[in-house]
């Protein structure tokens, strides 16, 4: 660590929010120190986005091979090599890691210090005994998987999204606690690779934050992949004699045998051990950092971004908010977070993507829901994957307020829909934009076209169009009969 009396910005945490905050501030000319206690890259690189998507890709390849009969082909149904798959997952992480390496950050002007940060005053902290003083700071310490308090769960080594990537072999029987995005992604992928998976979901349906129809489509898809789904059930006891395998008891008296158990029931903030009270930083009752819309904490010199704030726990949200926190701190700006247009994607098969106002919460008196079934999507038909749908929510003027996409590559389509929500674009703007054909993005365009056509049928605009059609019909008919119409060049012809 270079010697300096006071850093312009100290960033605590080297995940997505911390990395973006550090690079943003350094790019503005600030003297920046990034403190990380483990390894740069955070959950996204090492335990979240990258490894999970690599696992899903491998599982998709296996599933596609097994389903090749629908295209008239026969492929060997040999078991997946789980060791080779895990090796490919780690190769993916290692390939991406240099982007977030100390060398890469130092090249952008960011100074790195590895160790545990502990605040000692509103403008200072220590890192393993070394004193650090700052003018501004950003806390970006992220979150960690929560493990439910079930009697007996301490007798078994519970897998989470943190340590799942070190499993040496494919578990024959896998129990997943939680039917949210992480539980569904891991559960479906592991079932496709050959595990007998049981998902235990306390609520009435999996993916409870998504549209009910989207949840039902994923439920049925997972059943076809061999996943057993127990909704409306609570785990009441865990028994294990070897620390790995055992039995899980549900509240209806059912016992489920497992070789490994995964907890995917939510996350908790990583704010312990920072001694935040010395810094004058407050947390809520749930432990998340209390921040205003500009991401400032109770200490006006300390800001926060990412999962530790309790805001939507997505890598893209963390990155954007890290940039906001850094520019507000260094430049004294008053930028606020934008929560209206935050997209989310669950990378199951099919994918579920959503942004903005959803059909289930739309007001029928003020909003319209336009649906385009993927049975009418030519690309979906060619790939024999027509279970999905695209829905958009629009207001009376045709402005797009949100929507849901269920289908292959839904996560790619949601980008355009997010832009439409962010910029309050109308369905006319989407319908009037040329889109490539055929793609899985077609249903969004078709939904926009459908809404425009529907709006043109009624109201003053529709009446004017119908009048123009009648006038044009009259003019052309007169011309066809040889009667001169109009004046000038047209009448002389």
Protein backbone atom coordinates (compact mmCIF):
# COMPACT_ATOMS: atom_id res chain seq x y z
CA UNK A 1 0.00 0.00 0.00
CA UNK A 2 1.49 3.33 -1.04
CA UNK A 3 2.00 5.79 1.78
CA UNK A 4 -0.55 8.58 1.95
CA UNK A 5 -1.95 10.64 4.79
CA UNK A 6 -5.58 10.49 3.70
CA UNK A 7 -7.22 8.55 0.87
CA UNK A 8 -9.85 10.33 -1.22
CA UNK A 9 -11.91 7.13 -1.23
CA UNK A 10 -11.58 3.86 0.63
CA UNK A 11 -13.72 1.00 -0.65
CA UNK A 12 -14.35 -1.95 1.64
CA UNK A 13 -15.20 -5.05 -0.39
CA UNK A 14 -13.89 -6.30 -3.73
CA UNK A 15 -17.07 -7.67 -5.28
CA UNK A 16 -19.05 -6.15 -8.13
CA UNK A 17 -20.09 -2.98 -6.25
CA UNK A 18 -16.64 -2.40 -4.79
CA UNK A 19 -14.81 -3.02 -8.06
CA UNK A 20 -16.99 -0.61 -10.02
CA UNK A 21 -16.86 2.02 -7.27
CA UNK A 22 -13.06 1.80 -7.12
CA UNK A 23 -12.52 2.00 -10.87
CA UNK A 24 -15.05 4.80 -11.24
CA UNK A 25 -13.40 6.93 -8.55
CA UNK A 26 -9.91 6.25 -9.86
CA UNK A 27 -11.05 7.20 -13.35
CA UNK A 28 -12.16 10.55 -11.94
CA UNK A 29 -8.66 11.18 -10.62
CA UNK A 30 -9.22 10.24 -6.98
CA UNK A 31 -6.67 8.42 -4.82
CA UNK A 32 -8.47 5.13 -4.15
CA UNK A 33 -7.73 2.24 -1.81
CA UNK A 34 -9.70 -0.99 -2.24
CA UNK A 35 -9.71 -3.34 0.77
CA UNK A 36 -10.64 -7.00 0.32
CA UNK A 37 -10.31 -9.72 2.95
CA UNK A 38 -10.44 -12.72 0.59
CA UNK A 39 -10.17 -12.57 -3.21
CA UNK A 40 -11.18 -9.95 -5.72
CA UNK A 41 -14.22 -10.65 -7.87
CA UNK A 42 -16.73 -11.38 -5.14
CA UNK A 43 -19.64 -13.79 -5.20
CA UNK A 44 -20.44 -13.18 -8.87
CA UNK A 45 -17.12 -14.53 -10.08
CA UNK A 46 -16.36 -17.25 -7.54
CA UNK A 47 -19.68 -18.56 -6.19
CA UNK A 48 -22.55 -16.99 -8.12
CA UNK A 49 -23.11 -15.86 -11.69
CA UNK A 50 -20.09 -17.41 -13.37
CA UNK A 51 -20.02 -20.93 -11.88
CA UNK A 52 -23.80 -21.32 -11.83
CA UNK A 53 -24.17 -20.35 -15.47
CA UNK A 54 -21.34 -22.69 -16.42
CA UNK A 55 -23.13 -25.50 -14.57
CA UNK A 56 -26.43 -24.64 -16.28
CA UNK A 57 -24.73 -24.64 -19.69
CA UNK A 58 -23.30 -28.11 -19.06
CA UNK A 59 -26.65 -29.40 -17.85
CA UNK A 60 -28.38 -27.89 -20.88
CA UNK A 61 -25.97 -29.66 -23.20
CA UNK A 62 -26.68 -32.99 -21.52
CA UNK A 63 -30.43 -32.39 -21.62
CA UNK A 64 -30.38 -31.36 -25.27
CA UNK A 65 -28.54 -34.54 -26.20
CA UNK A 66 -31.07 -36.65 -24.34
CA UNK A 67 -33.98 -34.83 -25.97
CA UNK A 68 -32.55 -35.13 -29.47
CA UNK A 69 -35.28 -37.60 -30.39
CA UNK A 70 -37.67 -34.69 -30.90
CA UNK A 71 -35.48 -33.70 -33.86
CA UNK A 72 -35.39 -37.24 -35.21
CA UNK A 73 -31.92 -38.06 -33.87
CA UNK A 74 -30.59 -40.65 -31.48
CA UNK A 75 -27.74 -39.78 -29.11
CA UNK A 76 -26.14 -41.99 -26.49
CA UNK A 77 -27.64 -41.53 -23.02
CA UNK A 78 -24.35 -42.02 -21.18
CA UNK A 79 -24.04 -40.48 -17.70
CA UNK A 80 -22.46 -37.04 -17.34
CA UNK A 81 -18.87 -36.80 -16.13
CA UNK A 82 -19.43 -34.57 -13.10
CA UNK A 83 -15.73 -34.21 -12.39
CA UNK A 84 -15.10 -32.93 -15.90
CA UNK A 85 -18.02 -30.52 -15.57
CA UNK A 86 -16.67 -29.12 -12.31
CA UNK A 87 -13.26 -28.73 -13.94
CA UNK A 88 -14.81 -26.75 -16.80
CA UNK A 89 -16.62 -24.53 -14.28
CA UNK A 90 -13.35 -23.68 -12.56
CA UNK A 91 -11.72 -23.02 -15.92
CA UNK A 92 -14.45 -20.49 -16.66
CA UNK A 93 -13.80 -18.73 -13.36
CA UNK A 94 -10.05 -18.72 -13.94
CA UNK A 95 -10.53 -17.33 -17.44
CA UNK A 96 -12.58 -14.39 -16.21
CA UNK A 97 -10.58 -13.76 -13.01
CA UNK A 98 -7.79 -11.65 -14.63
CA UNK A 99 -10.36 -8.94 -15.38
CA UNK A 100 -10.71 -8.37 -11.63
CA UNK A 101 -7.09 -9.08 -10.69
CA UNK A 102 -4.95 -6.72 -8.60
CA UNK A 103 -2.79 -6.09 -11.66
CA UNK A 104 -5.79 -5.05 -13.75
CA UNK A 105 -7.08 -2.74 -11.02
CA UNK A 106 -3.68 -1.21 -10.36
CA UNK A 107 -3.39 -0.49 -14.07
CA UNK A 108 -6.55 1.61 -13.69
CA UNK A 109 -5.16 3.51 -10.74
CA UNK A 110 -6.70 1.53 -7.88
CA UNK A 111 -4.52 0.59 -4.89
CA UNK A 112 -5.19 -2.80 -3.28
CA UNK A 113 -4.87 -3.87 0.34
CA UNK A 114 -5.79 -7.40 1.44
CA UNK A 115 -7.02 -7.87 4.99
CA UNK A 116 -9.89 -7.34 7.41
CA UNK A 117 -11.21 -3.81 7.70
CA UNK A 118 -12.45 -2.54 11.07
CA UNK A 119 -13.72 1.00 11.51
CA UNK A 120 -12.16 2.99 14.34
CA UNK A 121 -13.82 6.39 13.80
CA UNK A 122 -16.09 8.17 11.29
CA UNK A 123 -13.02 8.79 9.08
CA UNK A 124 -10.63 5.96 9.83
CA UNK A 125 -10.25 2.20 9.99
CA UNK A 126 -7.59 -0.42 10.49
CA UNK A 127 -6.65 -3.32 8.22
CA UNK A 128 -4.99 -6.04 10.24
CA UNK A 129 -3.48 -3.38 12.50
CA UNK A 130 -2.55 -0.86 9.78
CA UNK A 131 -4.20 2.55 10.17
CA UNK A 132 -6.09 3.94 7.18
CA UNK A 133 -7.63 7.43 7.00
CA UNK A 134 -10.11 8.56 4.39
CA UNK A 135 -12.13 11.53 3.24
CA UNK A 136 -14.91 9.32 1.87
CA UNK A 137 -15.64 5.59 2.00
CA UNK A 138 -17.87 3.06 0.31
CA UNK A 139 -18.94 -0.11 2.10
CA UNK A 140 -19.55 -2.94 -0.38
CA UNK A 141 -19.14 -6.08 1.69
CA UNK A 142 -21.98 -8.02 0.04
CA UNK A 143 -24.06 -10.81 1.50
CA UNK A 144 -23.74 -14.51 2.37
CA UNK A 145 -26.11 -17.48 2.00
CA UNK A 146 -28.41 -18.03 4.97
CA UNK A 147 -28.76 -21.47 6.55
CA UNK A 148 -32.17 -22.16 8.10
CA UNK A 149 -32.41 -22.97 11.81
CA UNK A 150 -33.74 -26.52 11.56
CA UNK A 151 -33.27 -28.87 14.51
CA UNK A 152 -30.36 -31.19 13.75
CA UNK A 153 -29.04 -29.22 10.77
CA UNK A 154 -25.77 -28.70 12.65
CA UNK A 155 -25.11 -32.44 12.26
CA UNK A 156 -24.72 -32.18 8.48
CA UNK A 157 -22.38 -30.25 6.18
CA UNK A 158 -24.85 -28.00 4.40
CA UNK A 159 -24.07 -26.93 0.85
CA UNK A 160 -24.76 -23.34 -0.19
CA UNK A 161 -23.98 -21.31 -3.28
CA UNK A 162 -20.66 -20.53 -1.56
CA UNK A 163 -19.26 -24.06 -1.22
CA UNK A 164 -21.30 -26.00 -3.78
CA UNK A 165 -18.49 -25.65 -6.33
CA UNK A 166 -16.16 -27.89 -4.34
CA UNK A 167 -18.43 -30.97 -4.39
CA UNK A 168 -16.19 -33.82 -5.64
CA UNK A 169 -18.87 -36.02 -7.19
CA UNK A 170 -22.47 -36.03 -8.35
CA UNK A 171 -24.77 -36.57 -5.34
CA UNK A 172 -27.16 -39.42 -6.06
CA UNK A 173 -29.92 -37.84 -3.95
CA UNK A 174 -29.98 -34.08 -3.48
CA UNK A 175 -32.38 -32.08 -1.32
CA UNK A 176 -32.67 -28.34 -2.03
CA UNK A 177 -34.20 -26.14 0.65
CA UNK A 178 -35.83 -23.21 -1.11
CA UNK A 179 -37.62 -22.78 -4.42
CA UNK A 180 -36.37 -19.33 -5.35
CA UNK A 181 -34.07 -18.54 -8.29
CA UNK A 182 -30.95 -20.17 -6.82
CA UNK A 183 -32.77 -23.28 -5.66
CA UNK A 184 -34.53 -23.73 -9.00
CA UNK A 185 -31.40 -23.12 -11.08
CA UNK A 186 -29.25 -25.54 -9.10
CA UNK A 187 -32.03 -28.09 -8.69
CA UNK A 188 -32.90 -28.31 -12.37
CA UNK A 189 -29.27 -28.37 -13.46
CA UNK A 190 -28.36 -31.17 -11.06
CA UNK A 191 -31.41 -33.19 -12.07
CA UNK A 192 -30.37 -32.94 -15.70
CA UNK A 193 -26.92 -34.17 -14.76
CA UNK A 194 -28.36 -37.24 -13.05
CA UNK A 195 -29.14 -36.40 -9.40
CA UNK A 196 -32.50 -37.32 -7.89
CA UNK A 197 -33.48 -33.83 -6.75
CA UNK A 198 -36.18 -32.82 -4.27
CA UNK A 199 -36.97 -29.14 -3.78
CA UNK A 200 -38.70 -28.18 -0.54
CA UNK A 201 -40.49 -24.84 -0.79
CA UNK A 202 -42.31 -23.28 2.15
CA UNK A 203 -44.58 -21.18 -0.05
CA UNK A 204 -47.41 -22.31 -2.27
CA UNK A 205 -45.30 -22.18 -5.44
CA UNK A 206 -41.71 -21.95 -6.62
CA UNK A 207 -40.41 -18.60 -7.88
CA UNK A 208 -43.04 -16.76 -5.80
CA UNK A 209 -41.87 -13.31 -6.94
CA UNK A 210 -42.60 -14.08 -10.59
CA UNK A 211 -45.89 -14.16 -12.44
CA UNK A 212 -47.97 -17.22 -11.44
CA UNK A 213 -48.04 -18.49 -15.01
CA UNK A 214 -44.26 -18.19 -15.26
CA UNK A 215 -43.91 -20.10 -12.02
CA UNK A 216 -46.20 -22.85 -13.31
CA UNK A 217 -44.24 -23.22 -16.55
CA UNK A 218 -40.98 -23.67 -14.64
CA UNK A 219 -42.68 -26.07 -12.22
CA UNK A 220 -43.83 -28.28 -15.10
CA UNK A 221 -40.47 -28.07 -16.85
CA UNK A 222 -38.66 -29.19 -13.73
CA UNK A 223 -41.06 -32.07 -13.24
CA UNK A 224 -40.22 -33.25 -16.75
CA UNK A 225 -36.55 -33.14 -15.78
CA UNK A 226 -37.29 -35.48 -12.88
CA UNK A 227 -37.31 -32.94 -10.03
CA UNK A 228 -39.65 -33.65 -7.12
CA UNK A 229 -41.17 -30.41 -5.84
CA UNK A 230 -42.74 -30.23 -2.39
CA UNK A 231 -44.53 -26.87 -2.06
CA UNK A 232 -46.29 -25.66 1.06
CA UNK A 233 -43.95 -27.74 3.21
CA UNK A 234 -41.55 -26.85 6.02
CA UNK A 235 -38.51 -28.82 7.16
CA UNK A 236 -38.77 -29.73 10.85
CA UNK A 237 -35.75 -31.95 11.51
CA UNK A 238 -32.49 -33.17 10.01
CA UNK A 239 -30.77 -36.42 10.92
CA UNK A 240 -27.28 -37.48 9.86
CA UNK A 241 -24.69 -39.93 11.11
CA UNK A 242 -21.83 -39.20 8.72
CA UNK A 243 -22.12 -35.41 8.38
CA UNK A 244 -23.03 -35.55 4.70
CA UNK A 245 -26.02 -37.80 4.03
CA UNK A 246 -29.13 -38.23 6.12
CA UNK A 247 -32.86 -37.73 6.33
CA UNK A 248 -34.99 -34.59 6.25
CA UNK A 249 -38.36 -34.56 7.99
CA UNK A 250 -41.18 -32.35 6.69
CA UNK A 251 -44.07 -30.93 8.64
CA UNK A 252 -46.43 -33.53 7.16
CA UNK A 253 -44.34 -36.34 8.65
CA UNK A 254 -42.61 -37.27 5.38
CA UNK A 255 -38.95 -38.28 5.59
CA UNK A 256 -36.70 -37.59 2.58
CA UNK A 257 -33.39 -39.41 2.15
CA UNK A 258 -30.47 -37.36 0.86
CA UNK A 259 -26.78 -37.70 0.12
CA UNK A 260 -26.23 -33.93 0.22
CA UNK A 261 -28.45 -31.03 1.22
CA UNK A 262 -28.39 -27.51 -0.22
CA UNK A 263 -29.68 -24.38 1.53
CA UNK A 264 -31.06 -21.77 -0.88
CA UNK A 265 -33.42 -19.88 1.41
CA UNK A 266 -32.05 -16.37 1.09
CA UNK A 267 -29.04 -14.28 2.01
CA UNK A 268 -27.73 -12.26 4.95
CA UNK A 269 -25.60 -9.08 4.91
CA UNK A 270 -21.87 -9.33 5.52
CA UNK A 271 -21.66 -6.41 7.89
CA UNK A 272 -20.50 -8.13 11.06
CA UNK A 273 -17.01 -7.44 12.34
CA UNK A 274 -16.78 -3.99 10.75
CA UNK A 275 -17.47 -2.18 14.07
CA UNK A 276 -19.85 0.13 12.26
CA UNK A 277 -20.82 1.90 15.49
CA UNK A 278 -17.36 3.51 15.56
CA UNK A 279 -18.06 4.96 12.12
CA UNK A 280 -21.55 6.22 12.94
CA UNK A 281 -23.07 3.89 10.34
CA UNK A 282 -26.48 2.44 11.17
CA UNK A 283 -28.13 -0.79 10.11
CA UNK A 284 -31.74 -1.87 10.06
CA UNK A 285 -33.20 -4.65 12.18
CA UNK A 286 -32.27 -7.11 9.44
CA UNK A 287 -28.61 -6.10 9.56
CA UNK A 288 -28.57 -4.36 6.19
CA UNK A 289 -26.96 -0.94 5.96
CA UNK A 290 -29.39 1.96 6.19
CA UNK A 291 -28.89 4.26 3.18
CA UNK A 292 -30.86 7.01 1.49
CA UNK A 293 -31.71 7.21 -2.19
CA UNK A 294 -28.23 8.56 -2.90
CA UNK A 295 -26.66 5.58 -1.10
CA UNK A 296 -25.36 7.69 1.78
CA UNK A 297 -25.31 6.12 5.25
CA UNK A 298 -25.96 7.89 8.56
CA UNK A 299 -22.34 9.07 8.33
CA UNK A 300 -22.36 11.66 5.49
CA UNK A 301 -18.80 10.64 4.53
CA UNK A 302 -19.60 6.95 4.16
CA UNK A 303 -21.64 5.46 1.34
CA UNK A 304 -22.73 1.89 0.58
CA UNK A 305 -23.61 -0.21 -2.46
CA UNK A 306 -24.40 -3.78 -3.37
CA UNK A 307 -26.03 -6.56 -1.39
CA UNK A 308 -25.09 -5.07 1.99
CA UNK A 309 -27.66 -2.31 1.43
CA UNK A 310 -30.59 -4.68 1.12
CA UNK A 311 -31.43 -3.42 -2.35
CA UNK A 312 -32.14 -5.95 -5.14
CA UNK A 313 -29.34 -8.52 -4.96
CA UNK A 314 -28.13 -8.60 -8.55
CA UNK A 315 -24.65 -8.13 -9.92
CA UNK A 316 -25.88 -5.52 -12.38
CA UNK A 317 -27.59 -3.57 -9.59
CA UNK A 318 -24.45 -3.70 -7.47
CA UNK A 319 -22.33 -2.39 -10.32
CA UNK A 320 -24.63 0.49 -11.19
CA UNK A 321 -25.03 1.49 -7.55
CA UNK A 322 -21.30 1.23 -6.98
CA UNK A 323 -20.82 3.81 -9.71
CA UNK A 324 -23.50 6.06 -8.21
CA UNK A 325 -21.97 5.88 -4.74
CA UNK A 326 -18.48 6.66 -6.06
CA UNK A 327 -19.48 9.64 -8.19
CA UNK A 328 -21.62 11.07 -5.41
CA UNK A 329 -18.72 10.71 -2.98
CA UNK A 330 -15.94 12.06 -5.21
CA UNK A 331 -17.80 14.72 -7.20
CA UNK A 332 -20.42 15.73 -4.65
CA UNK A 333 -23.24 14.80 -7.02
CA UNK A 334 -26.76 13.96 -5.91
CA UNK A 335 -27.48 10.98 -8.15
CA UNK A 336 -30.21 8.67 -6.85
CA UNK A 337 -30.72 4.97 -7.37
CA UNK A 338 -33.24 3.89 -10.00
CA UNK A 339 -35.47 1.06 -8.83
CA UNK A 340 -38.16 1.33 -11.49
CA UNK A 341 -36.28 -0.45 -14.26
CA UNK A 342 -34.21 -3.20 -12.63
CA UNK A 343 -34.34 -6.41 -14.68
CA UNK A 344 -34.05 -9.87 -13.17
CA UNK A 345 -33.49 -13.24 -14.78
CA UNK A 346 -33.84 -16.78 -13.46
CA UNK A 347 -31.69 -19.00 -15.68
CA UNK A 348 -33.84 -22.10 -15.59
CA UNK A 349 -35.06 -23.85 -18.71
CA UNK A 350 -36.93 -21.95 -19.96
CA UNK A 351 -35.57 -18.70 -18.58
CA UNK A 352 -37.79 -16.24 -16.72
CA UNK A 353 -37.04 -12.53 -17.08
CA UNK A 354 -38.99 -9.58 -15.72
CA UNK A 355 -38.73 -5.84 -15.26
CA UNK A 356 -40.93 -3.03 -13.98
CA UNK A 357 -44.66 -3.28 -13.40
CA UNK A 358 -45.94 -6.84 -13.59
CA UNK A 359 -49.31 -8.05 -14.91
CA UNK A 360 -50.34 -9.40 -11.50
CA UNK A 361 -49.99 -5.95 -9.93
CA UNK A 362 -51.25 -3.86 -12.86
CA UNK A 363 -54.40 -1.78 -12.44
CA UNK A 364 -57.00 -2.95 -15.00
CA UNK A 365 -58.50 0.53 -14.99
CA UNK A 366 -55.25 2.22 -16.01
CA UNK A 367 -53.12 -0.47 -17.60
CA UNK A 368 -53.35 -3.01 -20.40
CA UNK A 369 -51.56 -6.35 -20.46
CA UNK A 370 -50.57 -7.50 -23.94
CA UNK A 371 -49.59 -11.15 -24.33
CA UNK A 372 -47.88 -12.89 -27.24
CA UNK A 373 -47.82 -16.66 -26.97
CA UNK A 374 -44.63 -18.37 -28.08
CA UNK A 375 -46.71 -20.90 -29.98
CA UNK A 376 -46.87 -18.04 -32.50
CA UNK A 377 -43.11 -17.39 -32.39
CA UNK A 378 -41.53 -18.83 -35.52
CA UNK A 379 -38.15 -19.25 -33.83
CA UNK A 380 -39.71 -21.10 -30.91
CA UNK A 381 -41.58 -23.36 -33.33
CA UNK A 382 -38.39 -24.22 -35.24
CA UNK A 383 -36.70 -25.23 -31.99
CA UNK A 384 -39.75 -27.09 -30.63
CA UNK A 385 -39.72 -24.88 -27.54
CA UNK A 386 -43.05 -23.07 -27.47
CA UNK A 387 -44.06 -23.25 -23.78
CA UNK A 388 -43.20 -19.62 -23.09
CA UNK A 389 -44.90 -16.28 -23.48
CA UNK A 390 -44.13 -12.56 -23.57
CA UNK A 391 -46.25 -10.04 -21.69
CA UNK A 392 -45.93 -6.28 -21.56
CA UNK A 393 -47.81 -3.83 -19.35
CA UNK A 394 -48.69 -0.50 -20.98
CA UNK A 395 -50.62 2.57 -19.89
CA UNK A 396 -53.46 4.24 -21.79
CA UNK A 397 -50.99 6.15 -23.95
CA UNK A 398 -49.16 2.99 -24.94
CA UNK A 399 -46.08 3.67 -22.79
CA UNK A 400 -44.37 0.47 -21.67
CA UNK A 401 -44.23 0.10 -17.88
CA UNK A 402 -42.93 -3.44 -17.49
CA UNK A 403 -43.35 -7.05 -18.47
CA UNK A 404 -42.33 -10.69 -18.24
CA UNK A 405 -40.66 -12.97 -20.77
CA UNK A 406 -40.58 -16.74 -20.37
CA UNK A 407 -38.61 -18.72 -22.91
CA UNK A 408 -35.15 -19.53 -24.24
CA UNK A 409 -32.82 -16.52 -24.02
CA UNK A 410 -35.40 -14.47 -22.13
CA UNK A 411 -32.47 -12.83 -20.39
CA UNK A 412 -31.35 -11.39 -23.73
CA UNK A 413 -34.80 -10.03 -24.62
CA UNK A 414 -35.29 -8.33 -21.26
CA UNK A 415 -32.56 -5.80 -22.10
CA UNK A 416 -34.71 -4.15 -24.77
CA UNK A 417 -37.75 -4.22 -22.52
CA UNK A 418 -35.72 -2.64 -19.70
CA UNK A 419 -34.62 0.17 -21.99
CA UNK A 420 -38.25 0.75 -22.99
CA UNK A 421 -39.29 1.01 -19.32
CA UNK A 422 -36.30 3.21 -18.42
CA UNK A 423 -36.93 5.66 -21.28
CA UNK A 424 -40.76 5.41 -21.09
CA UNK A 425 -40.90 4.31 -24.71
CA UNK A 426 -44.23 3.52 -26.30
CA UNK A 427 -45.24 0.37 -28.10
CA UNK A 428 -45.23 2.51 -31.26
CA UNK A 429 -41.48 3.07 -30.82
CA UNK A 430 -40.83 -0.67 -30.54
CA UNK A 431 -43.23 -1.56 -33.34
CA UNK A 432 -41.62 1.01 -35.64
CA UNK A 433 -38.13 -0.37 -35.07
CA UNK A 434 -36.90 -3.02 -37.49
CA UNK A 435 -36.04 -6.24 -35.65
CA UNK A 436 -34.09 -9.19 -37.06
CA UNK A 437 -36.07 -12.32 -37.93
CA UNK A 438 -36.40 -14.99 -36.75
CA UNK A 439 -35.30 -14.57 -33.13
CA UNK A 440 -36.65 -15.25 -29.67
CA UNK A 441 -37.03 -11.48 -29.43
CA UNK A 442 -39.82 -11.54 -32.04
CA UNK A 443 -42.63 -11.99 -29.48
CA UNK A 444 -41.75 -8.66 -27.81
CA UNK A 445 -41.93 -6.88 -31.14
CA UNK A 446 -45.16 -8.68 -32.03
CA UNK A 447 -46.69 -7.74 -28.68
CA UNK A 448 -45.85 -4.10 -29.38
CA UNK A 449 -47.31 -4.31 -32.89
CA UNK A 450 -50.45 -5.93 -31.49
CA UNK A 451 -50.91 -3.10 -28.99
CA UNK A 452 -50.42 -0.42 -31.64
CA UNK A 453 -52.98 -2.05 -33.92
CA UNK A 454 -55.46 -2.33 -31.08
CA UNK A 455 -55.04 1.35 -30.19
CA UNK A 456 -55.48 2.39 -33.81
CA UNK A 457 -58.85 0.65 -33.95
CA UNK A 458 -60.51 2.98 -31.46
CA UNK A 459 -60.58 6.58 -30.30
CA UNK A 460 -60.00 9.73 -32.34
CA UNK A 461 -56.95 8.29 -34.10
CA UNK A 462 -58.90 5.25 -35.21
CA UNK A 463 -61.77 7.42 -36.43
CA UNK A 464 -59.35 9.63 -38.40
CA UNK A 465 -57.71 6.59 -39.98
CA UNK A 466 -61.04 5.15 -41.03
CA UNK A 467 -61.99 8.51 -42.56
CA UNK A 468 -58.71 8.63 -44.51
CA UNK A 469 -59.33 5.12 -45.81
CA UNK A 470 -62.77 6.15 -47.08
CA UNK A 471 -61.43 9.33 -48.72
CA UNK A 472 -58.61 7.45 -50.37
CA UNK A 473 -61.02 4.79 -51.61
CA UNK A 474 -63.23 7.50 -53.14
CA UNK A 475 -60.30 9.28 -54.82
CA UNK A 476 -58.85 6.11 -56.32
CA UNK A 477 -62.27 4.93 -57.51
CA UNK A 478 -62.92 8.23 -59.31
CA UNK A 479 -59.51 8.01 -60.97
CA UNK A 480 -60.14 4.44 -62.09
CA UNK A 481 -63.37 5.54 -63.76
CA UNK A 482 -61.49 8.19 -65.76
CA UNK A 483 -62.98 11.19 -63.98
CA UNK A 484 -60.45 13.99 -63.43
CA UNK A 485 -59.77 14.53 -59.76
CA UNK A 486 -57.78 17.33 -58.22
CA UNK A 487 -55.75 19.86 -60.19
CA UNK A 488 -52.32 20.51 -61.60
CA UNK A 489 -50.21 17.65 -62.91
CA UNK A 490 -52.49 15.00 -61.42
CA UNK A 491 -55.62 16.35 -63.23
CA UNK A 492 -53.81 16.74 -66.52
CA UNK A 493 -52.75 13.07 -66.41
